[in-house]
N, C-alpha and C. Protein backbone atom coordinates (compact mmCIF):
# COMPACT_ATOMS: atom_id res chain seq x y z
N MET A 1 -77.24 29.91 -121.51
CA MET A 1 -78.58 30.45 -120.95
C MET A 1 -78.79 29.77 -119.54
N THR A 2 -78.39 28.45 -119.42
CA THR A 2 -78.69 27.87 -118.12
C THR A 2 -77.84 28.43 -117.02
N LEU A 3 -76.65 28.76 -117.23
CA LEU A 3 -75.79 29.33 -116.28
C LEU A 3 -76.27 30.69 -115.76
N ILE A 4 -76.84 31.43 -116.64
CA ILE A 4 -77.49 32.69 -116.24
C ILE A 4 -78.74 32.43 -115.32
N ILE A 5 -79.45 31.49 -115.79
CA ILE A 5 -80.71 31.05 -114.93
C ILE A 5 -80.32 30.71 -113.51
N GLU A 6 -79.17 29.85 -113.48
CA GLU A 6 -78.76 29.29 -112.23
C GLU A 6 -78.33 30.47 -111.27
N ARG A 7 -77.56 31.48 -111.81
CA ARG A 7 -77.02 32.51 -111.12
C ARG A 7 -78.16 33.44 -110.69
N ILE A 8 -79.09 33.70 -111.50
CA ILE A 8 -80.23 34.56 -111.11
C ILE A 8 -81.03 33.99 -110.02
N ILE A 9 -81.34 32.66 -110.11
CA ILE A 9 -82.10 31.92 -109.12
C ILE A 9 -81.28 31.94 -107.85
N ALA A 10 -80.07 31.59 -107.87
CA ALA A 10 -79.25 31.60 -106.65
C ALA A 10 -79.12 33.05 -105.99
N SER A 11 -78.98 34.07 -106.74
CA SER A 11 -78.92 35.39 -106.15
C SER A 11 -80.33 35.74 -105.51
N PHE A 12 -81.30 35.33 -106.29
CA PHE A 12 -82.74 35.63 -105.70
C PHE A 12 -82.88 34.95 -104.46
N LEU A 13 -82.51 33.66 -104.29
CA LEU A 13 -82.64 33.02 -103.03
C LEU A 13 -81.83 33.64 -101.89
N ILE A 14 -80.69 34.07 -102.20
CA ILE A 14 -79.84 34.74 -101.13
C ILE A 14 -80.47 36.04 -100.72
N ILE A 15 -80.91 36.90 -101.71
CA ILE A 15 -81.54 38.21 -101.33
C ILE A 15 -82.84 37.99 -100.56
N THR A 16 -83.74 37.12 -101.13
CA THR A 16 -84.94 36.98 -100.38
C THR A 16 -84.81 36.23 -99.00
N GLY A 17 -83.89 35.34 -99.14
CA GLY A 17 -83.64 34.65 -97.81
C GLY A 17 -83.12 35.56 -96.70
N LEU A 18 -82.23 36.53 -97.07
CA LEU A 18 -81.79 37.45 -96.13
C LEU A 18 -82.96 38.40 -95.70
N SER A 19 -83.80 38.66 -96.65
CA SER A 19 -84.96 39.47 -96.29
C SER A 19 -85.90 38.80 -95.29
N TYR A 20 -86.16 37.47 -95.56
CA TYR A 20 -86.87 36.77 -94.61
C TYR A 20 -86.30 36.72 -93.17
N LEU A 21 -84.92 36.64 -93.17
CA LEU A 21 -84.23 36.59 -91.85
C LEU A 21 -84.35 37.92 -91.14
N PHE A 22 -84.11 38.98 -91.92
CA PHE A 22 -84.08 40.30 -91.22
C PHE A 22 -85.40 41.09 -91.18
N GLN A 23 -86.28 40.80 -91.99
CA GLN A 23 -87.67 41.37 -92.11
C GLN A 23 -88.77 40.38 -91.87
N SER A 24 -88.60 39.47 -90.97
CA SER A 24 -89.67 38.37 -90.80
C SER A 24 -90.99 38.92 -90.44
N ALA A 25 -91.02 39.95 -89.64
CA ALA A 25 -92.25 40.59 -89.21
C ALA A 25 -93.00 41.16 -90.39
N VAL A 26 -92.20 41.80 -91.24
CA VAL A 26 -92.90 42.38 -92.40
C VAL A 26 -93.46 41.29 -93.40
N TRP A 27 -92.62 40.26 -93.54
CA TRP A 27 -93.10 39.07 -94.39
C TRP A 27 -94.35 38.49 -93.71
N LYS A 28 -94.35 38.31 -92.46
CA LYS A 28 -95.53 37.69 -91.72
C LYS A 28 -96.75 38.51 -92.07
N ASP A 29 -96.68 39.79 -91.97
CA ASP A 29 -97.84 40.71 -92.26
C ASP A 29 -98.20 40.59 -93.65
N LEU A 30 -97.26 40.51 -94.54
CA LEU A 30 -97.61 40.30 -95.99
C LEU A 30 -98.38 39.04 -96.27
N VAL A 31 -97.95 37.88 -95.62
CA VAL A 31 -98.67 36.65 -95.76
C VAL A 31 -100.03 36.68 -95.23
N LYS A 32 -100.18 37.29 -94.09
CA LYS A 32 -101.39 37.42 -93.42
C LYS A 32 -102.42 38.20 -94.31
N GLU A 33 -101.88 39.41 -94.87
CA GLU A 33 -102.69 40.19 -95.73
C GLU A 33 -103.04 39.47 -97.06
N LEU A 34 -102.08 38.84 -97.71
CA LEU A 34 -102.34 38.09 -98.90
C LEU A 34 -103.52 37.03 -98.73
N LEU A 35 -103.51 36.40 -97.50
CA LEU A 35 -104.54 35.32 -97.30
C LEU A 35 -105.91 35.88 -96.86
N THR A 36 -106.06 37.29 -96.79
CA THR A 36 -107.34 37.83 -96.40
C THR A 36 -108.33 37.80 -97.55
N LYS A 37 -107.68 37.93 -98.84
CA LYS A 37 -108.52 37.91 -100.05
C LYS A 37 -107.87 37.05 -101.07
N PRO A 38 -108.65 36.37 -101.80
CA PRO A 38 -108.11 35.52 -102.91
C PRO A 38 -107.28 36.34 -103.91
N THR A 39 -107.65 37.57 -104.07
CA THR A 39 -107.02 38.30 -105.11
C THR A 39 -105.49 38.51 -104.80
N GLY A 40 -105.11 38.46 -103.53
CA GLY A 40 -103.73 38.51 -103.12
C GLY A 40 -102.96 37.43 -103.66
N LEU A 41 -103.40 36.30 -103.46
CA LEU A 41 -102.72 35.14 -103.97
C LEU A 41 -102.60 34.99 -105.47
N ILE A 42 -103.81 35.48 -106.13
CA ILE A 42 -103.67 35.55 -107.61
C ILE A 42 -102.66 36.60 -108.07
N PHE A 43 -102.50 37.73 -107.42
CA PHE A 43 -101.50 38.65 -107.82
C PHE A 43 -100.11 38.06 -107.62
N TRP A 44 -99.89 37.43 -106.47
CA TRP A 44 -98.60 36.88 -106.19
C TRP A 44 -98.22 35.88 -107.18
N SER A 45 -99.20 35.03 -107.58
CA SER A 45 -98.98 33.87 -108.52
C SER A 45 -98.67 34.54 -109.93
N LEU A 46 -99.33 35.50 -110.28
CA LEU A 46 -99.07 36.07 -111.57
C LEU A 46 -97.63 36.74 -111.63
N LEU A 47 -97.24 37.24 -110.46
CA LEU A 47 -95.91 37.73 -110.39
C LEU A 47 -94.81 36.70 -110.48
N PHE A 48 -95.00 35.55 -109.86
CA PHE A 48 -93.96 34.57 -109.84
C PHE A 48 -94.08 33.42 -110.88
N LEU A 49 -95.25 33.21 -111.42
CA LEU A 49 -95.42 32.11 -112.38
C LEU A 49 -94.46 32.36 -113.64
N PRO A 50 -94.32 33.46 -114.21
CA PRO A 50 -93.35 33.59 -115.28
C PRO A 50 -91.88 33.14 -114.95
N TRP A 51 -91.50 33.47 -113.70
CA TRP A 51 -90.18 33.11 -113.32
C TRP A 51 -90.04 31.51 -113.29
N GLY A 52 -91.07 30.92 -112.65
CA GLY A 52 -91.12 29.46 -112.68
C GLY A 52 -91.11 28.85 -114.05
N LEU A 53 -91.89 29.42 -114.93
CA LEU A 53 -91.94 28.81 -116.24
C LEU A 53 -90.74 29.06 -117.03
N ILE A 54 -89.92 30.20 -116.82
CA ILE A 54 -88.66 30.31 -117.37
C ILE A 54 -87.69 29.26 -117.05
N VAL A 55 -87.68 28.94 -115.74
CA VAL A 55 -86.81 27.84 -115.29
C VAL A 55 -87.27 26.54 -115.89
N VAL A 56 -88.50 26.27 -115.83
CA VAL A 56 -89.10 25.04 -116.40
C VAL A 56 -88.72 24.83 -117.85
N PHE A 57 -88.88 25.84 -118.67
CA PHE A 57 -88.67 25.77 -120.08
C PHE A 57 -87.24 26.07 -120.45
N GLY A 58 -86.49 26.82 -119.67
CA GLY A 58 -85.17 27.26 -120.03
C GLY A 58 -84.06 26.40 -119.21
N HIS A 59 -84.41 25.64 -118.23
CA HIS A 59 -83.44 24.97 -117.43
C HIS A 59 -84.07 23.63 -116.94
N ASN A 60 -84.63 22.90 -117.87
CA ASN A 60 -85.35 21.65 -117.48
C ASN A 60 -84.32 20.54 -117.67
N LEU A 61 -83.35 20.56 -116.63
CA LEU A 61 -82.25 19.57 -116.80
C LEU A 61 -82.34 18.60 -115.61
N TRP A 62 -82.70 17.32 -115.94
CA TRP A 62 -82.81 16.36 -114.99
C TRP A 62 -81.53 15.48 -114.95
N VAL A 63 -80.52 16.01 -114.35
CA VAL A 63 -79.17 15.36 -114.33
C VAL A 63 -78.87 15.08 -112.90
N THR A 64 -77.72 14.29 -112.76
CA THR A 64 -77.29 13.74 -111.45
C THR A 64 -76.17 14.66 -110.83
N ASN A 65 -76.41 16.00 -110.92
CA ASN A 65 -75.50 16.98 -110.23
C ASN A 65 -76.33 18.09 -109.69
N TRP A 66 -75.65 19.02 -109.03
CA TRP A 66 -76.31 20.07 -108.23
C TRP A 66 -77.33 20.92 -109.17
N THR A 67 -77.14 20.93 -110.46
CA THR A 67 -77.92 21.89 -111.26
C THR A 67 -79.38 21.41 -111.34
N VAL A 68 -79.67 20.18 -111.00
CA VAL A 68 -81.06 19.68 -110.89
C VAL A 68 -81.83 20.45 -109.87
N LEU A 69 -81.21 20.98 -108.86
CA LEU A 69 -81.92 21.72 -107.76
C LEU A 69 -82.65 22.99 -108.36
N ILE A 70 -81.89 23.59 -109.35
CA ILE A 70 -82.57 24.77 -110.08
C ILE A 70 -83.85 24.25 -110.77
N THR A 71 -83.71 23.12 -111.46
CA THR A 71 -84.96 22.57 -112.13
C THR A 71 -86.05 22.29 -111.12
N ILE A 72 -85.72 21.69 -109.99
CA ILE A 72 -86.66 21.35 -109.01
C ILE A 72 -87.34 22.60 -108.51
N ILE A 73 -86.54 23.60 -108.18
CA ILE A 73 -87.16 24.95 -107.67
C ILE A 73 -88.14 25.48 -108.74
N GLY A 74 -87.71 25.50 -109.94
CA GLY A 74 -88.59 25.96 -111.07
C GLY A 74 -89.89 25.30 -111.04
N TRP A 75 -89.88 23.95 -110.94
CA TRP A 75 -91.14 23.14 -110.96
C TRP A 75 -91.93 23.40 -109.67
N LEU A 76 -91.31 23.58 -108.53
CA LEU A 76 -92.01 23.84 -107.25
C LEU A 76 -92.76 25.27 -107.41
N VAL A 77 -91.99 26.18 -107.81
CA VAL A 77 -92.58 27.62 -108.04
C VAL A 77 -93.73 27.47 -108.99
N THR A 78 -93.64 26.87 -110.10
CA THR A 78 -94.65 26.73 -111.10
C THR A 78 -95.83 26.03 -110.56
N THR A 79 -95.68 24.97 -109.87
CA THR A 79 -96.74 24.23 -109.34
C THR A 79 -97.54 24.97 -108.21
N LYS A 80 -96.75 25.71 -107.34
CA LYS A 80 -97.42 26.54 -106.29
C LYS A 80 -98.20 27.55 -106.99
N CYS A 81 -97.70 28.32 -107.86
CA CYS A 81 -98.45 29.38 -108.57
C CYS A 81 -99.68 28.91 -109.24
N VAL A 82 -99.60 27.73 -109.91
CA VAL A 82 -100.75 27.12 -110.57
C VAL A 82 -101.86 26.79 -109.49
N LEU A 83 -101.36 26.19 -108.44
CA LEU A 83 -102.30 25.77 -107.26
C LEU A 83 -103.06 27.08 -106.79
N TYR A 84 -102.20 28.14 -106.54
CA TYR A 84 -102.84 29.41 -106.07
C TYR A 84 -103.82 30.01 -107.04
N LEU A 85 -103.54 29.85 -108.37
CA LEU A 85 -104.48 30.42 -109.40
C LEU A 85 -105.68 29.53 -109.60
N LEU A 86 -105.56 28.25 -109.46
CA LEU A 86 -106.75 27.35 -109.78
C LEU A 86 -107.51 27.03 -108.52
N VAL A 87 -106.75 26.97 -107.37
CA VAL A 87 -107.39 26.52 -106.10
C VAL A 87 -106.84 27.38 -104.97
N PRO A 88 -107.29 28.66 -104.91
CA PRO A 88 -106.81 29.65 -103.97
C PRO A 88 -106.92 29.18 -102.50
N SER A 89 -107.95 28.43 -102.25
CA SER A 89 -108.19 28.00 -100.83
C SER A 89 -107.09 26.92 -100.37
N TRP A 90 -106.28 26.50 -101.31
CA TRP A 90 -105.22 25.57 -100.89
C TRP A 90 -104.31 26.09 -99.83
N ALA A 91 -104.09 27.40 -99.79
CA ALA A 91 -103.23 28.02 -98.82
C ALA A 91 -103.95 28.32 -97.47
N ASN A 92 -105.18 27.96 -97.35
CA ASN A 92 -106.02 28.30 -96.06
C ASN A 92 -105.39 27.72 -94.80
N PHE A 93 -104.59 26.73 -94.85
CA PHE A 93 -104.13 26.10 -93.71
C PHE A 93 -103.13 27.01 -92.94
N VAL A 94 -102.46 27.94 -93.63
CA VAL A 94 -101.67 28.95 -93.06
C VAL A 94 -102.40 29.97 -92.19
N LYS A 95 -103.68 30.10 -92.44
CA LYS A 95 -104.47 31.03 -91.71
C LYS A 95 -104.59 30.57 -90.25
N ASN A 96 -104.32 29.32 -89.97
CA ASN A 96 -104.59 28.80 -88.60
C ASN A 96 -103.21 28.96 -87.80
N TRP A 97 -102.16 29.29 -88.46
CA TRP A 97 -100.81 29.47 -87.78
C TRP A 97 -100.90 30.73 -86.84
N SER A 98 -100.30 30.53 -85.70
CA SER A 98 -100.11 31.81 -84.87
C SER A 98 -99.11 32.70 -85.55
N ASP A 99 -99.15 34.01 -85.14
CA ASP A 99 -98.22 34.95 -85.69
C ASP A 99 -96.84 34.57 -85.40
N GLU A 100 -96.57 34.03 -84.20
CA GLU A 100 -95.22 33.63 -83.71
C GLU A 100 -94.69 32.41 -84.54
N PHE A 101 -95.62 31.49 -84.73
CA PHE A 101 -95.13 30.29 -85.54
C PHE A 101 -94.90 30.77 -87.02
N LEU A 102 -95.71 31.51 -87.64
CA LEU A 102 -95.52 31.98 -89.00
C LEU A 102 -94.25 32.72 -89.06
N GLN A 103 -93.92 33.65 -88.15
CA GLN A 103 -92.66 34.43 -88.18
C GLN A 103 -91.51 33.46 -87.99
N ARG A 104 -91.55 32.52 -87.09
CA ARG A 104 -90.49 31.63 -86.94
C ARG A 104 -90.30 30.74 -88.19
N TYR A 105 -91.36 30.35 -88.82
CA TYR A 105 -91.30 29.58 -90.04
C TYR A 105 -90.61 30.47 -91.13
N ILE A 106 -90.96 31.68 -91.25
CA ILE A 106 -90.33 32.53 -92.24
C ILE A 106 -88.86 32.73 -91.94
N ARG A 107 -88.48 32.92 -90.69
CA ARG A 107 -87.00 33.00 -90.37
C ARG A 107 -86.29 31.72 -90.80
N ILE A 108 -86.73 30.54 -90.43
CA ILE A 108 -86.14 29.32 -90.81
C ILE A 108 -86.08 29.18 -92.27
N ALA A 109 -87.14 29.47 -92.93
CA ALA A 109 -87.14 29.48 -94.37
C ALA A 109 -86.09 30.34 -95.02
N GLY A 110 -85.87 31.49 -94.41
CA GLY A 110 -84.92 32.50 -94.87
C GLY A 110 -83.40 32.03 -94.63
N GLY A 111 -83.27 31.24 -93.54
CA GLY A 111 -81.91 30.71 -93.35
C GLY A 111 -81.63 29.68 -94.34
N VAL A 112 -82.59 28.76 -94.50
CA VAL A 112 -82.43 27.73 -95.53
C VAL A 112 -82.22 28.17 -96.94
N GLU A 113 -83.03 29.17 -97.29
CA GLU A 113 -82.96 29.85 -98.55
C GLU A 113 -81.63 30.56 -98.84
N THR A 114 -81.16 31.24 -97.81
CA THR A 114 -79.83 31.96 -97.93
C THR A 114 -78.70 30.97 -98.12
N ILE A 115 -78.72 29.94 -97.28
CA ILE A 115 -77.54 28.85 -97.46
C ILE A 115 -77.68 28.17 -98.75
N LEU A 116 -78.91 27.72 -99.15
CA LEU A 116 -79.09 27.10 -100.44
C LEU A 116 -78.65 27.91 -101.62
N GLY A 117 -79.06 29.29 -101.57
CA GLY A 117 -78.69 30.23 -102.60
C GLY A 117 -77.15 30.40 -102.64
N GLY A 118 -76.46 30.57 -101.49
CA GLY A 118 -75.07 30.64 -101.49
C GLY A 118 -74.30 29.53 -102.04
N VAL A 119 -74.76 28.31 -101.65
CA VAL A 119 -74.12 27.10 -102.20
C VAL A 119 -74.31 26.97 -103.67
N LEU A 120 -75.55 27.31 -104.21
CA LEU A 120 -75.80 27.29 -105.64
C LEU A 120 -74.97 28.33 -106.33
N LEU A 121 -74.94 29.46 -105.82
CA LEU A 121 -74.19 30.49 -106.53
C LEU A 121 -72.63 30.25 -106.52
N PHE A 122 -72.11 29.73 -105.47
CA PHE A 122 -70.75 29.22 -105.42
C PHE A 122 -70.57 28.16 -106.46
N LEU A 123 -71.37 27.15 -106.48
CA LEU A 123 -71.17 26.04 -107.45
C LEU A 123 -71.26 26.59 -108.87
N SER A 124 -72.20 27.61 -109.12
CA SER A 124 -72.32 28.12 -110.46
C SER A 124 -71.06 28.77 -111.03
N PHE A 125 -70.25 29.37 -110.00
CA PHE A 125 -68.93 29.87 -110.46
C PHE A 125 -67.79 28.95 -110.37
N ALA A 126 -67.90 27.96 -109.54
CA ALA A 126 -66.84 27.02 -109.33
C ALA A 126 -66.73 25.94 -110.41
N GLY A 127 -67.96 25.71 -111.03
CA GLY A 127 -67.82 24.52 -111.85
C GLY A 127 -68.41 24.53 -113.20
């Protein structure tokens, strides 16, 4: 089960990372739109919270190898979703970002996410 979770998370990171890289303007608009109303963050959280919980409960491995990254990602996603659900104003700091900064941030995140996903996917098949 954990190998499947690792490969799904790695593939998700690659696909969304590439989307952030190539569609950063669309993602910027989505982020701005989600922040206009608290309901946007609630919807987003309800969409991603189950994925975070699947990782937390199905891959909660605190080991000294690369697979711990999947566990950490699961906890980060779960924590972020819970914060959005319980304290939606937590994300208000992003509202002050300029469009250019937000779009650049999304591109950088996309690059990091794509590389991380690629490495994790490779390791899941290699070892």
